[in-house]
């Protein structure tokens, strides 16, 4: 006897619950019902979420696969894994109890989403920011109450992020609403900003003076939790030993190709020296945004001329300097949510040097943004990477496959990383060996993440050893290598870039074999993007009927 509840009805209820408890996620999805709310991350709220999610899990179990359509049979286990992943995060990973960065990120992203996307009149968005600012002290108090013994590296990163949030509230947020002329509203915003900033500043002092000095907890997840996190969040049921073997194989292959291409530069000079010289060719300080804006135009032209994918109509992509609160990221894409009711601008942020930095740090930063690598970064973020992906996401007709709250990171970042390699394969800047070298260099960084992420959490690698691995095996500058290693402590599954790309390349090869002479690269890309963001096993079910192959080899 089949349940009378249709799966789409369950999805509506579950998604509605997620929007209510994750209002920032709702905003990023383009749903603005809860824009005046900030997440409740108190201990009681987190425990209540775990109970509610368990209830959804039981309810979903009562919907048998036998009564579903073929597509719904694929979607059903995707939903189940999403629910279990959220329970696992709350009850086992417990980021909310371990990492101050979590609270800084929630606050910053929640405020920034209202400031950046003009989905409503400025005054209306300013009122929603006012509401969030008034709730900020409650969020900061939750951080004080919940986090008692963080890992030292989490305290360090949390302090950096919280200081960025403080700068954002005090300096950048007022400029975002400079055109508001309601003096009463502006006064309320100023008062609420002061209260929020005072709360953040007080927590920074507490974290720096009291919590950080006695922070002794380990950042490691351990092998079992690491593997379970990958399985639930990414749909990847592959043990870390096999993953490390794959990563080592790919790293060695990429290094060999790197040496081969690098040796073609500078008349066959030593490959490492050739790469050091290539990195000396970079945009001047203060020119990063202009250079990237020109790159985006060239990339769009190439994708159109080679007919690599459909390009839906959209507002022009805006290239701009990274806001202060997000400067730990080299480059990032902020796209309107897939459920937005009207076209809205997307922002491609790049991080130029800070004039206040010492000269040595400025030089290292610019070298990591060399012309050789900047092309790949722009492919990843704009065309045909994240920005184009977001345009296709808006056209998906399934709520489950459309919502970003169901999206595995490997599907999102895997596509963007795949695009870097695909564009080179298709002949972009074919005569410039440095562009190919930059693409391989970016691949080496992602492969180093693949290995370091596993060894940090499933073995006993230290952050310092992780830094050396990025420096020596991916040829990074030391400052960038250290940031990458530190990121691996609080972003444990950042191997998803390489894993996602490898899974996508295998899907493409298998789909091509099935299509035979009918194969078209554009058709493959459009089919993949048209299915929305699904774990790779689910993509294979939809694109390769009867498939029983491995998602990665």
Protein backbone atom coordinates (compact mmCIF):
# COMPACT_ATOMS: atom_id res chain seq x y z
CA UNK A 1 0.00 0.00 0.00
CA UNK A 2 1.52 3.29 -1.12
CA UNK A 3 1.67 6.45 0.96
CA UNK A 4 -0.87 9.04 -0.01
CA UNK A 5 1.74 11.83 0.29
CA UNK A 6 3.27 12.79 -3.05
CA UNK A 7 7.04 13.31 -2.96
CA UNK A 8 6.74 16.85 -4.32
CA UNK A 9 4.44 17.71 -1.40
CA UNK A 10 7.10 16.47 1.03
CA UNK A 11 9.78 18.49 -0.78
CA UNK A 12 7.65 21.64 -0.48
CA UNK A 13 7.24 21.14 3.27
CA UNK A 14 10.88 20.23 3.86
CA UNK A 15 12.19 23.13 1.79
CA UNK A 16 9.82 25.48 3.61
CA UNK A 17 11.23 24.27 6.93
CA UNK A 18 14.81 24.76 5.73
CA UNK A 19 14.01 28.30 4.61
CA UNK A 20 12.51 29.12 8.01
CA UNK A 21 15.47 27.78 9.98
CA UNK A 22 18.14 28.90 7.45
CA UNK A 23 16.89 32.33 6.34
CA UNK A 24 20.24 33.20 4.78
CA UNK A 25 19.99 30.07 2.66
CA UNK A 26 16.50 31.15 1.63
CA UNK A 27 17.82 34.54 0.52
CA UNK A 28 20.63 32.93 -1.47
CA UNK A 29 18.01 30.71 -3.12
CA UNK A 30 16.12 33.85 -4.14
CA UNK A 31 13.28 33.33 -1.65
CA UNK A 32 12.72 36.46 0.45
CA UNK A 33 9.97 35.46 2.88
CA UNK A 34 12.41 35.36 5.80
CA UNK A 35 14.75 38.18 4.84
CA UNK A 36 14.19 39.98 8.12
CA UNK A 37 15.45 37.02 10.15
CA UNK A 38 18.89 35.93 11.27
CA UNK A 39 19.55 32.27 12.05
CA UNK A 40 18.78 31.11 15.59
CA UNK A 41 21.92 29.15 16.48
CA UNK A 42 21.35 28.82 20.20
CA UNK A 43 21.91 25.38 21.68
CA UNK A 44 18.18 24.83 22.19
CA UNK A 45 17.49 25.80 18.57
CA UNK A 46 20.15 23.45 17.23
CA UNK A 47 18.79 20.58 19.30
CA UNK A 48 15.26 21.38 18.12
CA UNK A 49 16.47 21.30 14.52
CA UNK A 50 17.95 17.84 15.00
CA UNK A 51 14.60 16.58 16.36
CA UNK A 52 12.64 18.18 13.54
CA UNK A 53 14.97 16.74 10.91
CA UNK A 54 14.59 13.28 12.43
CA UNK A 55 10.84 13.72 12.04
CA UNK A 56 11.27 14.58 8.36
CA UNK A 57 13.45 11.50 7.94
CA UNK A 58 10.74 9.25 9.38
CA UNK A 59 8.12 10.90 7.21
CA UNK A 60 10.22 10.42 4.07
CA UNK A 61 10.75 6.74 4.94
CA UNK A 62 6.98 6.31 4.73
CA UNK A 63 7.03 7.24 1.03
CA UNK A 64 8.00 3.99 -0.73
CA UNK A 65 10.05 4.02 -3.92
CA UNK A 66 7.54 1.72 -5.64
CA UNK A 67 4.97 4.47 -5.95
CA UNK A 68 7.31 7.05 -7.49
CA UNK A 69 8.20 8.04 -11.01
CA UNK A 70 11.61 7.10 -12.39
CA UNK A 71 13.02 10.57 -11.69
CA UNK A 72 11.50 10.66 -8.19
CA UNK A 73 13.20 7.35 -7.41
CA UNK A 74 16.48 9.14 -8.01
CA UNK A 75 15.43 12.18 -5.97
CA UNK A 76 14.14 10.24 -2.94
CA UNK A 77 17.59 9.07 -1.68
CA UNK A 78 19.04 12.51 -2.47
CA UNK A 79 16.56 14.05 -0.02
CA UNK A 80 17.22 11.34 2.55
CA UNK A 81 20.97 11.99 2.43
CA UNK A 82 20.40 15.75 2.75
CA UNK A 83 18.37 15.24 5.93
CA UNK A 84 20.88 12.82 7.42
CA UNK A 85 23.78 15.14 6.53
CA UNK A 86 22.16 18.00 8.44
CA UNK A 87 21.56 15.80 11.49
CA UNK A 88 25.15 14.54 11.27
CA UNK A 89 26.46 18.09 11.15
CA UNK A 90 24.48 19.15 14.21
CA UNK A 91 25.04 16.05 16.34
CA UNK A 92 28.46 14.73 15.28
CA UNK A 93 30.51 17.36 13.44
CA UNK A 94 29.17 20.12 15.72
CA UNK A 95 30.68 23.08 13.89
CA UNK A 96 28.31 25.31 15.86
CA UNK A 97 30.07 24.19 19.05
CA UNK A 98 33.65 24.34 17.75
CA UNK A 99 34.20 27.15 15.27
CA UNK A 100 33.76 30.94 15.75
CA UNK A 101 34.15 31.35 11.98
CA UNK A 102 30.75 29.69 11.56
CA UNK A 103 29.02 32.58 13.35
CA UNK A 104 31.02 35.23 11.53
CA UNK A 105 30.16 33.65 8.20
CA UNK A 106 26.43 33.44 8.99
CA UNK A 107 26.29 37.10 10.01
CA UNK A 108 28.42 38.42 7.16
CA UNK A 109 26.67 36.41 4.45
CA UNK A 110 23.22 37.28 5.78
CA UNK A 111 23.96 41.01 5.76
CA UNK A 112 25.88 40.97 2.48
CA UNK A 113 23.12 39.20 0.59
CA UNK A 114 20.75 42.07 1.41
CA UNK A 115 23.32 44.70 0.52
CA UNK A 116 24.50 43.16 -2.75
CA UNK A 117 21.40 42.00 -4.61
CA UNK A 118 18.85 44.70 -5.62
CA UNK A 119 15.87 42.32 -5.64
CA UNK A 120 13.81 44.96 -3.78
CA UNK A 121 13.97 48.75 -3.32
CA UNK A 122 16.92 49.94 -1.28
CA UNK A 123 14.75 51.21 1.57
CA UNK A 124 13.00 47.84 1.90
CA UNK A 125 16.30 45.99 2.01
CA UNK A 126 17.65 48.50 4.52
CA UNK A 127 14.73 47.68 6.85
CA UNK A 128 15.58 43.99 6.59
CA UNK A 129 19.21 44.73 7.38
CA UNK A 130 18.02 46.75 10.37
CA UNK A 131 16.09 43.74 11.63
CA UNK A 132 19.13 41.47 11.20
CA UNK A 133 21.45 43.91 12.94
CA UNK A 134 19.11 43.99 15.94
CA UNK A 135 19.35 40.18 16.10
CA UNK A 136 23.15 40.14 15.73
CA UNK A 137 23.87 40.44 19.49
CA UNK A 138 21.74 37.31 20.03
CA UNK A 139 23.82 35.41 17.46
CA UNK A 140 27.07 36.57 19.03
CA UNK A 141 25.79 35.57 22.47
CA UNK A 142 25.07 32.10 21.06
CA UNK A 143 28.71 31.90 19.95
CA UNK A 144 29.82 32.80 23.50
CA UNK A 145 27.48 30.22 25.01
CA UNK A 146 28.16 27.39 22.55
CA UNK A 147 31.91 27.53 21.96
CA UNK A 148 33.93 26.60 25.03
CA UNK A 149 36.95 24.70 23.73
CA UNK A 150 37.69 25.40 20.05
CA UNK A 151 40.77 24.19 18.18
CA UNK A 152 43.45 26.86 18.23
CA UNK A 153 43.42 27.24 14.45
CA UNK A 154 39.63 27.80 14.56
CA UNK A 155 40.12 30.59 17.07
CA UNK A 156 42.76 32.16 14.82
CA UNK A 157 40.62 32.00 11.67
CA UNK A 158 37.54 33.08 13.61
CA UNK A 159 39.31 36.19 14.86
CA UNK A 160 40.37 37.12 11.33
CA UNK A 161 36.84 36.65 9.97
CA UNK A 162 35.13 38.45 12.84
CA UNK A 163 37.41 41.45 12.38
CA UNK A 164 36.39 41.47 8.73
CA UNK A 165 32.72 41.38 9.74
CA UNK A 166 33.29 44.26 12.12
CA UNK A 167 34.88 46.30 9.35
CA UNK A 168 31.99 45.41 7.04
CA UNK A 169 29.36 46.56 9.54
CA UNK A 170 31.11 49.80 10.43
CA UNK A 171 32.53 50.88 7.06
CA UNK A 172 30.95 49.10 4.13
CA UNK A 173 27.35 48.51 5.15
CA UNK A 174 26.54 52.25 5.52
CA UNK A 175 27.79 52.84 1.95
CA UNK A 176 25.55 50.07 0.65
CA UNK A 177 22.48 52.10 1.66
CA UNK A 178 23.80 55.59 1.04
CA UNK A 179 20.83 56.48 -1.20
CA UNK A 180 18.23 55.91 1.52
CA UNK A 181 16.73 59.32 2.47
CA UNK A 182 14.49 58.26 5.36
CA UNK A 183 16.27 59.97 8.25
CA UNK A 184 14.43 57.93 10.89
CA UNK A 185 15.46 54.67 9.18
CA UNK A 186 19.04 55.87 8.82
CA UNK A 187 19.14 56.74 12.52
CA UNK A 188 17.81 53.32 13.47
CA UNK A 189 20.38 51.68 11.18
CA UNK A 190 23.18 53.65 12.79
CA UNK A 191 22.05 52.67 16.29
CA UNK A 192 21.60 48.99 15.37
CA UNK A 193 24.97 48.94 13.60
CA UNK A 194 26.64 50.32 16.73
CA UNK A 195 24.99 47.66 18.91
CA UNK A 196 25.92 44.86 16.49
CA UNK A 197 29.49 46.14 16.15
CA UNK A 198 29.83 46.40 19.93
CA UNK A 199 28.68 42.78 20.28
CA UNK A 200 31.16 41.59 17.65
CA UNK A 201 33.96 43.69 19.12
CA UNK A 202 33.24 42.33 22.58
CA UNK A 203 33.37 38.77 21.31
CA UNK A 204 36.62 39.44 19.46
CA UNK A 205 38.14 40.63 22.73
CA UNK A 206 36.80 37.61 24.62
CA UNK A 207 38.03 35.23 21.92
CA UNK A 208 41.47 36.83 21.75
CA UNK A 209 42.07 37.32 25.46
CA UNK A 210 40.26 34.40 27.09
CA UNK A 211 39.27 31.63 24.69
CA UNK A 212 42.16 31.49 22.20
CA UNK A 213 44.95 31.22 24.82
CA UNK A 214 43.39 28.04 26.24
CA UNK A 215 42.12 26.58 22.94
CA UNK A 216 43.45 23.02 22.87
CA UNK A 217 40.86 20.93 21.00
CA UNK A 218 41.74 19.04 17.84
CA UNK A 219 40.42 20.18 14.49
CA UNK A 220 40.52 16.62 13.08
CA UNK A 221 37.33 14.82 12.17
CA UNK A 222 38.89 11.38 12.11
CA UNK A 223 38.63 8.83 9.32
CA UNK A 224 35.13 7.55 10.11
CA UNK A 225 33.46 10.95 10.36
CA UNK A 226 35.37 12.24 7.34
CA UNK A 227 34.15 9.35 5.17
CA UNK A 228 30.58 9.68 6.44
CA UNK A 229 30.57 13.41 5.75
CA UNK A 230 31.64 12.73 2.15
CA UNK A 231 29.00 10.06 1.75
CA UNK A 232 26.11 12.13 3.11
CA UNK A 233 27.00 15.54 1.67
CA UNK A 234 28.53 14.52 -1.67
CA UNK A 235 27.08 11.08 -2.32
CA UNK A 236 30.63 9.71 -2.50
CA UNK A 237 30.95 6.25 -0.97
CA UNK A 238 34.66 5.79 -1.55
CA UNK A 239 37.12 5.15 1.28
CA UNK A 240 39.96 7.55 1.98
CA UNK A 241 42.63 5.00 1.03
CA UNK A 242 41.26 4.72 -2.51
CA UNK A 243 40.78 8.48 -2.68
CA UNK A 244 44.40 9.07 -1.66
CA UNK A 245 45.57 6.61 -4.34
CA UNK A 246 43.53 8.47 -6.97
CA UNK A 247 44.79 11.83 -5.73
CA UNK A 248 48.43 10.70 -5.77
CA UNK A 249 48.08 9.37 -9.30
CA UNK A 250 46.49 12.58 -10.55
CA UNK A 251 49.01 14.78 -8.74
CA UNK A 252 51.95 12.93 -10.28
CA UNK A 253 50.39 13.15 -13.75
CA UNK A 254 49.69 16.88 -13.38
CA UNK A 255 53.21 17.54 -12.12
CA UNK A 256 54.69 15.71 -15.12
CA UNK A 257 52.54 17.76 -17.49
CA UNK A 258 53.47 20.92 -15.60
CA UNK A 259 57.16 20.17 -16.09
CA UNK A 260 56.64 19.41 -19.78
CA UNK A 261 54.77 22.66 -20.47
CA UNK A 262 57.03 24.78 -18.25
CA UNK A 263 60.10 23.51 -20.07
CA UNK A 264 58.73 25.07 -23.26
CA UNK A 265 59.00 28.54 -21.72
CA UNK A 266 62.21 30.54 -21.57
CA UNK A 267 63.99 28.33 -24.06
CA UNK A 268 63.80 25.13 -22.02
CA UNK A 269 64.88 26.56 -18.67
CA UNK A 270 64.33 24.63 -15.47
CA UNK A 271 60.52 24.16 -15.10
CA UNK A 272 60.42 25.55 -11.56
CA UNK A 273 62.40 28.60 -12.63
CA UNK A 274 60.16 29.02 -15.68
CA UNK A 275 57.12 29.03 -13.40
CA UNK A 276 58.69 31.58 -11.07
CA UNK A 277 59.33 33.83 -14.06
CA UNK A 278 55.81 33.31 -15.41
CA UNK A 279 54.40 34.44 -12.07
CA UNK A 280 56.31 37.69 -12.35
CA UNK A 281 53.90 38.63 -15.16
CA UNK A 282 50.87 39.85 -13.21
CA UNK A 283 48.48 42.81 -13.12
CA UNK A 284 49.81 45.87 -11.37
CA UNK A 285 48.47 46.61 -7.90
CA UNK A 286 45.10 48.30 -8.23
CA UNK A 287 44.52 46.98 -11.78
CA UNK A 288 43.09 43.56 -10.95
CA UNK A 289 39.44 44.43 -11.55
CA UNK A 290 40.12 46.01 -14.95
CA UNK A 291 42.14 43.02 -16.14
CA UNK A 292 39.52 40.52 -15.01
CA UNK A 293 36.72 42.52 -16.64
CA UNK A 294 38.54 42.20 -19.97
CA UNK A 295 39.02 38.46 -19.42
CA UNK A 296 35.32 37.87 -18.79
CA UNK A 297 34.44 39.48 -22.13
CA UNK A 298 36.97 37.30 -23.97
CA UNK A 299 35.76 34.12 -22.29
CA UNK A 300 32.14 34.80 -23.18
CA UNK A 301 33.09 35.36 -26.80
CA UNK A 302 34.98 32.06 -26.93
CA UNK A 303 32.14 30.04 -25.40
CA UNK A 304 29.71 31.55 -27.89
CA UNK A 305 31.92 31.03 -30.94
CA UNK A 306 32.75 27.43 -30.04
CA UNK A 307 29.12 26.70 -29.09
CA UNK A 308 30.20 25.02 -25.86
CA UNK A 309 26.93 25.54 -23.97
CA UNK A 310 23.67 27.42 -24.13
CA UNK A 311 23.96 30.92 -22.67
CA UNK A 312 20.66 32.06 -21.14
CA UNK A 313 19.86 35.76 -21.14
CA UNK A 314 20.93 37.58 -17.99
CA UNK A 315 21.98 40.88 -16.50
CA UNK A 316 25.66 41.65 -17.28
CA UNK A 317 28.13 40.19 -14.82
CA UNK A 318 29.67 42.82 -12.52
CA UNK A 319 33.40 42.50 -11.74
CA UNK A 320 34.40 44.27 -8.51
CA UNK A 321 36.84 44.38 -5.61
CA UNK A 322 36.23 41.79 -2.87
CA UNK A 323 34.44 43.22 0.20
CA UNK A 324 36.55 43.33 3.34
CA UNK A 325 34.66 40.60 5.16
CA UNK A 326 35.44 38.08 2.41
CA UNK A 327 39.06 38.90 1.69
CA UNK A 328 40.27 35.48 2.83
CA UNK A 329 39.02 34.35 -0.61
CA UNK A 330 41.13 35.10 -3.69
CA UNK A 331 38.10 35.22 -5.97
CA UNK A 332 34.40 34.47 -5.55
CA UNK A 333 31.14 34.56 -7.46
CA UNK A 334 27.94 35.89 -5.91
CA UNK A 335 24.97 35.01 -8.08
CA UNK A 336 21.25 35.77 -7.63
CA UNK A 337 19.28 32.82 -6.27
CA UNK A 338 17.72 30.41 -8.76
CA UNK A 339 14.20 31.27 -7.53
CA UNK A 340 14.57 35.05 -8.03
CA UNK A 341 11.47 36.36 -9.77
CA UNK A 342 13.30 38.95 -11.88
CA UNK A 343 16.76 39.29 -13.45
CA UNK A 344 19.32 40.51 -10.93
CA UNK A 345 23.02 41.30 -11.21
CA UNK A 346 25.70 38.80 -10.27
CA UNK A 347 29.09 39.84 -8.84
CA UNK A 348 32.51 38.39 -9.57
CA UNK A 349 34.79 39.56 -6.77
CA UNK A 350 38.57 39.56 -7.03
CA UNK A 351 40.96 40.42 -4.23
CA UNK A 352 43.53 43.06 -5.09
CA UNK A 353 46.37 43.90 -2.72
CA UNK A 354 45.69 45.92 0.38
CA UNK A 355 47.93 49.02 0.38
CA UNK A 356 48.38 48.51 4.12
CA UNK A 357 50.07 45.14 3.58
CA UNK A 358 53.87 44.95 3.79
CA UNK A 359 55.56 45.09 0.38
CA UNK A 360 56.58 41.42 0.58
CA UNK A 361 53.01 40.25 1.15
CA UNK A 362 51.74 42.43 -1.70
CA UNK A 363 54.31 40.91 -4.04
CA UNK A 364 53.39 37.35 -3.03
CA UNK A 365 49.68 38.05 -3.50
CA UNK A 366 50.17 39.48 -6.98
CA UNK A 367 52.36 36.57 -8.00
CA UNK A 368 49.59 34.17 -6.99
CA UNK A 369 47.29 36.22 -9.24
CA UNK A 370 49.68 36.10 -12.18
CA UNK A 371 48.42 36.31 -15.74
CA UNK A 372 49.22 32.61 -16.08
CA UNK A 373 46.68 31.66 -13.41
CA UNK A 374 44.17 34.50 -13.65
CA UNK A 375 42.66 33.13 -16.85
CA UNK A 376 41.82 29.85 -15.13
CA UNK A 377 40.36 31.67 -12.14
CA UNK A 378 38.10 33.67 -14.44
CA UNK A 379 37.05 30.54 -16.33
CA UNK A 380 36.18 28.98 -12.98
CA UNK A 381 34.18 31.92 -11.66
CA UNK A 382 32.51 33.38 -14.76
CA UNK A 383 32.32 31.72 -18.18
CA UNK A 384 31.76 28.84 -18.45
CA UNK A 385 32.04 28.20 -14.71
CA UNK A 386 29.92 29.37 -11.77
CA UNK A 387 28.14 32.25 -13.48
CA UNK A 388 26.98 30.21 -16.47
CA UNK A 389 26.06 27.35 -14.12
CA UNK A 390 23.84 29.73 -12.12
CA UNK A 391 22.05 30.87 -15.29
CA UNK A 392 21.15 27.27 -16.15
CA UNK A 393 20.13 26.62 -12.56
CA UNK A 394 17.41 29.25 -12.87
CA UNK A 395 15.82 27.21 -15.67
CA UNK A 396 15.60 23.88 -13.79
CA UNK A 397 11.95 22.88 -13.22
CA UNK A 398 12.38 20.69 -10.10
CA UNK A 399 12.47 22.49 -6.73
CA UNK A 400 14.78 19.85 -5.33
CA UNK A 401 17.25 20.04 -8.20
CA UNK A 402 16.96 23.83 -8.35
CA UNK A 403 17.48 24.76 -4.71
CA UNK A 404 21.05 25.43 -3.59
CA UNK A 405 20.18 23.90 -0.21
CA UNK A 406 20.34 20.47 -1.85
CA UNK A 407 23.45 21.16 -3.95
CA UNK A 408 26.55 19.03 -3.27
CA UNK A 409 29.68 21.16 -3.37
CA UNK A 410 31.27 18.64 -5.72
CA UNK A 411 28.55 19.38 -8.28
CA UNK A 412 29.07 23.14 -8.07
CA UNK A 413 32.85 23.37 -7.70
CA UNK A 414 33.47 20.26 -9.79
CA UNK A 415 31.77 21.88 -12.78
CA UNK A 416 33.74 25.11 -12.41
CA UNK A 417 37.06 23.29 -12.04
CA UNK A 418 36.23 21.03 -14.98
CA UNK A 419 35.62 24.14 -17.10
CA UNK A 420 39.22 25.28 -16.65
CA UNK A 421 40.53 22.11 -18.26
CA UNK A 422 37.77 21.90 -20.86
CA UNK A 423 38.44 25.41 -22.16
CA UNK A 424 42.13 24.61 -22.69
CA UNK A 425 41.19 21.33 -24.40
CA UNK A 426 38.96 23.30 -26.74
CA UNK A 427 41.81 25.57 -27.76
CA UNK A 428 41.42 28.71 -25.66
CA UNK A 429 44.64 30.79 -25.93
CA UNK A 430 46.16 27.82 -27.73
CA UNK A 431 49.38 29.60 -28.65
CA UNK A 432 50.15 30.76 -25.11
CA UNK A 433 51.91 28.05 -23.10
CA UNK A 434 51.73 30.19 -19.95
CA UNK A 435 47.91 29.98 -19.93
CA UNK A 436 48.12 26.18 -20.11
CA UNK A 437 50.73 26.29 -17.37
CA UNK A 438 48.42 28.39 -15.22
CA UNK A 439 45.58 25.90 -15.71
CA UNK A 440 47.81 23.03 -14.58
CA UNK A 441 49.00 25.10 -11.61
CA UNK A 442 45.41 25.64 -10.50
CA UNK A 443 44.81 21.91 -10.89
CA UNK A 444 47.85 21.20 -8.72
CA UNK A 445 46.45 23.39 -5.94
CA UNK A 446 43.12 21.50 -6.04
CA UNK A 447 44.94 18.16 -6.05
CA UNK A 448 47.03 19.30 -3.08
CA UNK A 449 43.73 20.11 -1.32
CA UNK A 450 42.59 16.60 -2.20
CA UNK A 451 45.55 15.07 -0.37
CA UNK A 452 46.00 17.58 2.45
CA UNK A 453 42.30 17.60 3.34
CA UNK A 454 42.32 13.83 3.82
CA UNK A 455 45.61 13.75 5.70
CA UNK A 456 44.66 16.61 8.00
CA UNK A 457 41.47 14.88 9.08
CA UNK A 458 41.90 11.14 8.51
CA UNK A 459 45.62 10.95 9.35
CA UNK A 460 47.90 13.10 11.50
CA UNK A 461 49.20 15.78 9.14
CA UNK A 462 49.86 19.12 10.83
CA UNK A 463 48.94 22.52 9.39
CA UNK A 464 52.65 23.28 9.02
CA UNK A 465 53.21 20.07 7.05
CA UNK A 466 50.16 20.92 4.97
CA UNK A 467 51.65 24.32 4.18
CA UNK A 468 54.89 22.69 3.03
CA UNK A 469 52.94 20.27 0.84
CA UNK A 470 51.17 23.12 -0.97
CA UNK A 471 54.43 25.03 -1.30
CA UNK A 472 56.55 22.13 -2.54
CA UNK A 473 54.06 20.02 -4.51
CA UNK A 474 51.82 22.75 -5.93
CA UNK A 475 54.58 25.38 -6.28
CA UNK A 476 52.73 28.01 -4.24
CA UNK A 477 54.12 31.03 -2.45
CA UNK A 478 54.38 30.38 1.29
CA UNK A 479 51.68 32.84 2.36
CA UNK A 480 49.15 31.33 -0.04
CA UNK A 481 50.23 27.81 0.89
CA UNK A 482 49.59 28.54 4.56
CA UNK A 483 46.13 29.93 3.85
CA UNK A 484 45.29 26.80 1.89
CA UNK A 485 46.46 24.50 4.69
CA UNK A 486 44.57 26.49 7.32
CA UNK A 487 41.41 26.39 5.21
CA UNK A 488 41.62 22.60 5.20
CA UNK A 489 41.07 22.54 8.96
CA UNK A 490 37.63 24.19 8.82
CA UNK A 491 36.69 23.18 5.26
CA UNK A 492 37.62 19.49 5.53
CA UNK A 493 36.08 18.30 2.28
CA UNK A 494 37.67 20.88 0.00
CA UNK A 495 38.87 17.92 -2.03
CA UNK A 496 35.49 18.25 -3.81
CA UNK A 497 37.03 20.50 -6.49
CA UNK A 498 39.23 17.73 -7.87
CA UNK A 499 36.82 14.93 -7.02
CA UNK A 500 33.96 16.74 -8.77
CA UNK A 501 36.07 17.36 -11.87
CA UNK A 502 37.24 13.76 -12.07
CA UNK A 503 33.70 12.46 -11.66
CA UNK A 504 32.49 14.82 -14.37
CA UNK A 505 35.24 13.80 -16.78
CA UNK A 506 34.31 10.15 -16.24
CA UNK A 507 30.63 10.92 -16.81
CA UNK A 508 31.54 12.73 -20.04
CA UNK A 509 33.63 9.79 -21.28
CA UNK A 510 30.87 7.29 -20.46
CA UNK A 511 28.17 9.48 -22.02
CA UNK A 512 30.30 9.95 -25.14
CA UNK A 513 30.75 6.19 -25.44
CA UNK A 514 27.00 5.73 -25.16
CA UNK A 515 26.19 8.51 -27.65
CA UNK A 516 28.73 7.42 -30.24
CA UNK A 517 28.64 9.57 -33.38
CA UNK A 518 25.77 11.62 -31.91
CA UNK A 519 28.05 13.02 -29.19
CA UNK A 520 28.16 16.81 -28.89
CA UNK A 521 30.04 18.69 -26.19
CA UNK A 522 27.31 21.31 -26.04
CA UNK A 523 24.63 18.63 -25.71
CA UNK A 524 26.55 17.02 -22.86
CA UNK A 525 27.00 20.31 -21.02
CA UNK A 526 23.38 21.35 -21.49
CA UNK A 527 22.12 17.96 -20.33
CA UNK A 528 24.32 18.01 -17.23
CA UNK A 529 23.40 21.60 -16.32
CA UNK A 530 19.75 20.99 -17.13
CA UNK A 531 19.50 18.31 -14.44
CA UNK A 532 20.36 20.83 -11.74
CA UNK A 533 22.78 20.24 -8.90
CA UNK A 534 22.67 16.54 -8.04
CA UNK A 535 25.31 14.20 -6.62
CA UNK A 536 27.19 12.48 -9.42
CA UNK A 537 25.63 9.08 -8.84
CA UNK A 538 22.22 10.69 -9.44
CA UNK A 539 23.42 12.51 -12.57
CA UNK A 540 24.62 9.18 -13.91
CA UNK A 541 21.22 7.60 -13.22
CA UNK A 542 19.51 10.33 -15.25
CA UNK A 543 22.04 10.60 -18.08
CA UNK A 544 23.10 6.95 -18.40
CA UNK A 545 20.02 4.72 -18.06
CA UNK A 546 20.96 1.39 -16.51
CA UNK A 547 24.37 2.67 -15.45
CA UNK A 548 26.21 0.64 -12.84
CA UNK A 549 29.63 2.22 -13.27
CA UNK A 550 31.79 3.80 -10.59
CA UNK A 551 31.47 7.57 -10.17
CA UNK A 552 35.26 7.91 -9.94
CA UNK A 553 38.19 5.66 -10.83
